Amino acid sequence: MEVGSVLQFLQDKTILVVGATGFLAKIFLEKVLRVQPNIKKVFLLLRAADPKSAAHRLNNEILGTDLFNLLKEKLGANFNSFISEKLTVFPGDICYEDLGLKDSTLKEEICNQVDVIVNLAATTNFDERYDIALDLNVFGAKHN
């Protein structure tokens, strides 16, 4: 698939990114926001206890990294408003049914709006018990 066709496909789409604080997810998110600013929205699932903690993780572990410097330079003073318009972060966990979403309104919004799911969630503990690694890395996607 050509890069241009991927960019065209993502135009006006709403994306759900699972595993958003991981290495690949950060690269994916930055690239999509920088080269296809006409995406409609990106929902980001972050493992967190509450929305405030999820927002804190977004700012510290994703947007606060050097990876986003190019996008910040490109957008300048518009960076924060662009991010607020495009990103919706929410707390959850792939180990639970419906991603552990407690907010039924948000759950309905996600179900009705998402066009593309990008599941990059995985355990990074390489000494993890096999049953736990299998549950997280393979079966976690069933809860999307």
C-alpha atoms as a PDB file:
ATOM      1  CA  MET A   1       0.000   0.000   0.000  1.00  0.00           C
ATOM      2  CA  GLU A   2       1.383   3.382  -0.982  1.00  0.00           C
ATOM      3  CA  VAL A   3       1.926   6.076   1.661  1.00  0.00           C
ATOM      4  CA  GLY A   4      -0.378   8.440  -0.226  1.00  0.00           C
ATOM      5  CA  SER A   5      -3.232   5.940  -0.165  1.00  0.00           C
ATOM      6  CA  VAL A   6      -2.800   5.425   3.599  1.00  0.00           C
ATOM      7  CA  LEU A   7      -2.887   9.182   4.161  1.00  0.00           C
ATOM      8  CA  GLN A   8      -5.944   9.490   1.954  1.00  0.00           C
ATOM      9  CA  PHE A   9      -7.631   6.614   3.801  1.00  0.00           C
ATOM     10  CA  LEU A  10      -7.039   8.254   7.205  1.00  0.00           C
ATOM     11  CA  GLN A  11      -8.494  11.606   6.133  1.00  0.00           C
ATOM     12  CA  ASP A  12     -11.646  12.413   8.142  1.00  0.00           C
ATOM     13  CA  LYS A  13     -11.324   9.147  10.077  1.00  0.00           C
ATOM     14  CA  THR A  14     -11.556   8.612  13.818  1.00  0.00           C
ATOM     15  CA  ILE A  15      -8.882   6.307  15.208  1.00  0.00           C
ATOM     16  CA  LEU A  16      -8.691   4.399  18.484  1.00  0.00           C
ATOM     17  CA  VAL A  17      -5.104   3.770  19.606  1.00  0.00           C
ATOM     18  CA  VAL A  18      -4.678   1.090  22.254  1.00  0.00           C
ATOM     19  CA  GLY A  19      -1.321   0.952  24.013  1.00  0.00           C
ATOM     20  CA  ALA A  20      -0.780   4.644  23.365  1.00  0.00           C
ATOM     21  CA  THR A  21       2.254   5.155  25.624  1.00  0.00           C
ATOM     22  CA  GLY A  22       4.302   2.475  23.897  1.00  0.00           C
ATOM     23  CA  PHE A  23       7.202   3.128  21.542  1.00  0.00           C
ATOM     24  CA  LEU A  24       5.377   2.219  18.312  1.00  0.00           C
ATOM     25  CA  ALA A  25       2.191   4.012  19.324  1.00  0.00           C
ATOM     26  CA  LYS A  26       4.026   7.280  19.965  1.00  0.00           C
ATOM     27  CA  ILE A  27       5.703   7.088  16.564  1.00  0.00           C
ATOM     28  CA  PHE A  28       2.385   6.241  14.896  1.00  0.00           C
ATOM     29  CA  LEU A  29       0.564   9.087  16.645  1.00  0.00           C
ATOM     30  CA  GLU A  30       3.189  11.720  15.878  1.00  0.00           C
ATOM     31  CA  LYS A  31       3.425  10.680  12.237  1.00  0.00           C
ATOM     32  CA  VAL A  32      -0.336  10.673  11.712  1.00  0.00           C
ATOM     33  CA  LEU A  33      -0.805  14.058  13.383  1.00  0.00           C
ATOM     34  CA  ARG A  34       2.061  15.591  11.413  1.00  0.00           C
ATOM     35  CA  VAL A  35       1.390  14.232   7.914  1.00  0.00           C
ATOM     36  CA  GLN A  36      -2.398  13.845   8.030  1.00  0.00           C
ATOM     37  CA  PRO A  37      -3.737  16.732  10.117  1.00  0.00           C
ATOM     38  CA  ASN A  38      -7.160  16.166   8.539  1.00  0.00           C
ATOM     39  CA  ILE A  39      -7.934  13.144  10.663  1.00  0.00           C
ATOM     40  CA  LYS A  40     -11.151  13.705  12.526  1.00  0.00           C
ATOM     41  CA  LYS A  41     -10.107  12.495  15.971  1.00  0.00           C
ATOM     42  CA  VAL A  42      -7.827  10.078  17.824  1.00  0.00           C
ATOM     43  CA  PHE A  43      -9.038   8.337  20.963  1.00  0.00           C
ATOM     44  CA  LEU A  44      -6.121   7.227  23.144  1.00  0.00           C
ATOM     45  CA  LEU A  45      -6.562   4.456  25.699  1.00  0.00           C
ATOM     46  CA  LEU A  46      -4.116   4.898  28.565  1.00  0.00           C
ATOM     47  CA  ARG A  47      -3.825   2.592  31.539  1.00  0.00           C
ATOM     48  CA  ALA A  48      -4.760   4.967  34.358  1.00  0.00           C
ATOM     49  CA  ALA A  49      -7.030   5.144  37.385  1.00  0.00           C
ATOM     50  CA  ASP A  50      -8.995   8.191  36.237  1.00  0.00           C
ATOM     51  CA  PRO A  51      -9.215  10.821  33.463  1.00  0.00           C
ATOM     52  CA  LYS A  52      -6.866  13.206  35.277  1.00  0.00           C
ATOM     53  CA  SER A  53      -4.170  10.519  35.536  1.00  0.00           C
ATOM     54  CA  ALA A  54      -4.676   9.620  31.867  1.00  0.00           C
ATOM     55  CA  ALA A  55      -4.249  13.283  30.852  1.00  0.00           C
ATOM     56  CA  HIS A  56      -1.113  13.494  32.987  1.00  0.00           C
ATOM     57  CA  ARG A  57       0.337  10.422  31.239  1.00  0.00           C
ATOM     58  CA  LEU A  58      -0.539  11.920  27.836  1.00  0.00           C
ATOM     59  CA  ASN A  59       1.342  15.114  28.593  1.00  0.00           C
ATOM     60  CA  ASN A  60       4.344  13.540  30.322  1.00  0.00           C
ATOM     61  CA  GLU A  61       4.858  10.271  28.470  1.00  0.00           C
ATOM     62  CA  ILE A  62       3.683  11.145  24.969  1.00  0.00           C
ATOM     63  CA  LEU A  63       3.429  14.843  24.123  1.00  0.00           C
ATOM     64  CA  GLY A  64       6.303  15.794  26.415  1.00  0.00           C
ATOM     65  CA  THR A  65       8.798  13.604  24.566  1.00  0.00           C
ATOM     66  CA  ASP A  66      11.312  14.910  22.029  1.00  0.00           C
ATOM     67  CA  LEU A  67       9.481  12.934  19.349  1.00  0.00           C
ATOM     68  CA  PHE A  68       6.797  15.638  19.224  1.00  0.00           C
ATOM     69  CA  ASN A  69       9.226  18.563  18.819  1.00  0.00           C
ATOM     70  CA  LEU A  70       8.880  18.592  15.018  1.00  0.00           C
ATOM     71  CA  LEU A  71       5.092  18.760  15.272  1.00  0.00           C
ATOM     72  CA  LYS A  72       5.379  21.510  17.900  1.00  0.00           C
ATOM     73  CA  GLU A  73       7.677  23.477  15.572  1.00  0.00           C
ATOM     74  CA  LYS A  74       5.354  22.943  12.616  1.00  0.00           C
ATOM     75  CA  LEU A  75       2.240  24.104  14.493  1.00  0.00           C
ATOM     76  CA  GLY A  76       3.855  26.714  16.727  1.00  0.00           C
ATOM     77  CA  ALA A  77       1.333  28.523  18.908  1.00  0.00           C
ATOM     78  CA  ASN A  78      -1.464  26.346  17.488  1.00  0.00           C
ATOM     79  CA  PHE A  79      -0.024  23.105  18.915  1.00  0.00           C
ATOM     80  CA  ASN A  80      -2.134  22.984  22.092  1.00  0.00           C
ATOM     81  CA  SER A  81      -5.400  23.836  20.350  1.00  0.00           C
ATOM     82  CA  PHE A  82      -4.661  21.275  17.603  1.00  0.00           C
ATOM     83  CA  ILE A  83      -3.987  18.588  20.219  1.00  0.00           C
ATOM     84  CA  SER A  84      -7.147  19.504  22.160  1.00  0.00           C
ATOM     85  CA  GLU A  85      -9.190  19.295  18.971  1.00  0.00           C
ATOM     86  CA  LYS A  86      -7.738  16.015  17.709  1.00  0.00           C
ATOM     87  CA  LEU A  87      -6.978  13.925  20.813  1.00  0.00           C
ATOM     88  CA  THR A  88      -9.336  12.439  23.363  1.00  0.00           C
ATOM     89  CA  VAL A  89      -7.576  10.517  26.096  1.00  0.00           C
ATOM     90  CA  PHE A  90      -9.383   8.135  28.421  1.00  0.00           C
ATOM     91  CA  PRO A  91      -8.425   5.714  31.193  1.00  0.00           C
ATOM     92  CA  GLY A  92      -8.901   2.009  30.671  1.00  0.00           C
ATOM     93  CA  ASP A  93      -7.247  -1.371  30.448  1.00  0.00           C
ATOM     94  CA  ILE A  94      -7.280  -3.975  27.675  1.00  0.00           C
ATOM     95  CA  CYS A  95      -7.523  -6.750  30.262  1.00  0.00           C
ATOM     96  CA  TYR A  96     -11.143  -5.842  30.986  1.00  0.00           C
ATOM     97  CA  GLU A  97     -14.327  -6.123  28.997  1.00  0.00           C
ATOM     98  CA  ASP A  98     -15.092  -2.930  27.053  1.00  0.00           C
ATOM     99  CA  LEU A  99     -11.520  -1.810  27.805  1.00  0.00           C
ATOM    100  CA  GLY A 100     -12.547  -1.169  31.404  1.00  0.00           C
ATOM    101  CA  LEU A 101     -14.546   1.902  30.358  1.00  0.00           C
ATOM    102  CA  LYS A 102     -16.798   3.104  33.160  1.00  0.00           C
ATOM    103  CA  ASP A 103     -18.231   6.139  31.344  1.00  0.00           C
ATOM    104  CA  SER A 104     -21.154   4.791  29.297  1.00  0.00           C
ATOM    105  CA  THR A 105     -21.451   8.031  27.300  1.00  0.00           C
ATOM    106  CA  LEU A 106     -17.797   7.844  26.258  1.00  0.00           C
ATOM    107  CA  LYS A 107     -18.162   4.136  25.458  1.00  0.00           C
ATOM    108  CA  GLU A 108     -21.095   4.910  23.164  1.00  0.00           C
ATOM    109  CA  GLU A 109     -19.199   7.809  21.558  1.00  0.00           C
ATOM    110  CA  ILE A 110     -16.213   5.570  20.838  1.00  0.00           C
ATOM    111  CA  CYS A 111     -18.381   2.760  19.451  1.00  0.00           C
ATOM    112  CA  ASN A 112     -20.280   5.139  17.178  1.00  0.00           C
ATOM    113  CA  GLN A 113     -17.343   7.198  15.927  1.00  0.00           C
ATOM    114  CA  VAL A 114     -14.285   4.955  15.584  1.00  0.00           C
ATOM    115  CA  ASP A 115     -13.397   3.958  12.027  1.00  0.00           C
ATOM    116  CA  VAL A 116      -9.964   2.419  12.675  1.00  0.00           C
ATOM    117  CA  ILE A 117      -8.538   0.561  15.687  1.00  0.00           C
ATOM    118  CA  VAL A 118      -4.755   0.450  16.062  1.00  0.00           C
ATOM    119  CA  ASN A 119      -3.866  -2.043  18.791  1.00  0.00           C
ATOM    120  CA  LEU A 120      -0.263  -1.576  19.897  1.00  0.00           C
ATOM    121  CA  ALA A 121      -0.780  -2.737  23.479  1.00  0.00           C
ATOM    122  CA  ALA A 122       1.563  -5.402  24.781  1.00  0.00           C
ATOM    123  CA  THR A 123       3.454  -6.371  27.860  1.00  0.00           C
ATOM    124  CA  THR A 124       7.048  -5.212  27.866  1.00  0.00           C
ATOM    125  CA  ASN A 125       8.054  -7.614  30.601  1.00  0.00           C
ATOM    126  CA  PHE A 126      10.006 -10.214  28.647  1.00  0.00           C
ATOM    127  CA  ASP A 127      10.070 -12.512  31.682  1.00  0.00           C
ATOM    128  CA  GLU A 128       6.272 -12.483  31.954  1.00  0.00           C
ATOM    129  CA  ARG A 129       4.482 -15.764  32.578  1.00  0.00           C
ATOM    130  CA  TYR A 130       3.265 -17.153  29.249  1.00  0.00           C
ATOM    131  CA  ASP A 131      -0.417 -17.164  30.205  1.00  0.00           C
ATOM    132  CA  ILE A 132      -0.278 -13.502  31.227  1.00  0.00           C
ATOM    133  CA  ALA A 133       1.701 -12.482  28.120  1.00  0.00           C
ATOM    134  CA  LEU A 134      -0.740 -14.387  25.909  1.00  0.00           C
ATOM    135  CA  ASP A 135      -3.712 -12.733  27.594  1.00  0.00           C
ATOM    136  CA  LEU A 136      -2.257  -9.229  27.178  1.00  0.00           C
ATOM    137  CA  ASN A 137      -0.564  -9.517  23.790  1.00  0.00           C
ATOM    138  CA  VAL A 138      -3.098 -11.695  21.984  1.00  0.00           C
ATOM    139  CA  PHE A 139      -6.439 -11.773  23.747  1.00  0.00           C
ATOM    140  CA  GLY A 140      -6.409  -8.150  24.913  1.00  0.00           C
ATOM    141  CA  ALA A 141      -7.590  -7.191  21.433  1.00  0.00           C
ATOM    142  CA  LYS A 142     -10.832  -9.115  22.040  1.00  0.00           C
ATOM    143  CA  HIS A 143     -11.860  -6.453  24.544  1.00  0.00           C
ATOM    144  CA  ASN A 144     -11.699  -3.669  21.906  1.00  0.00           C
END
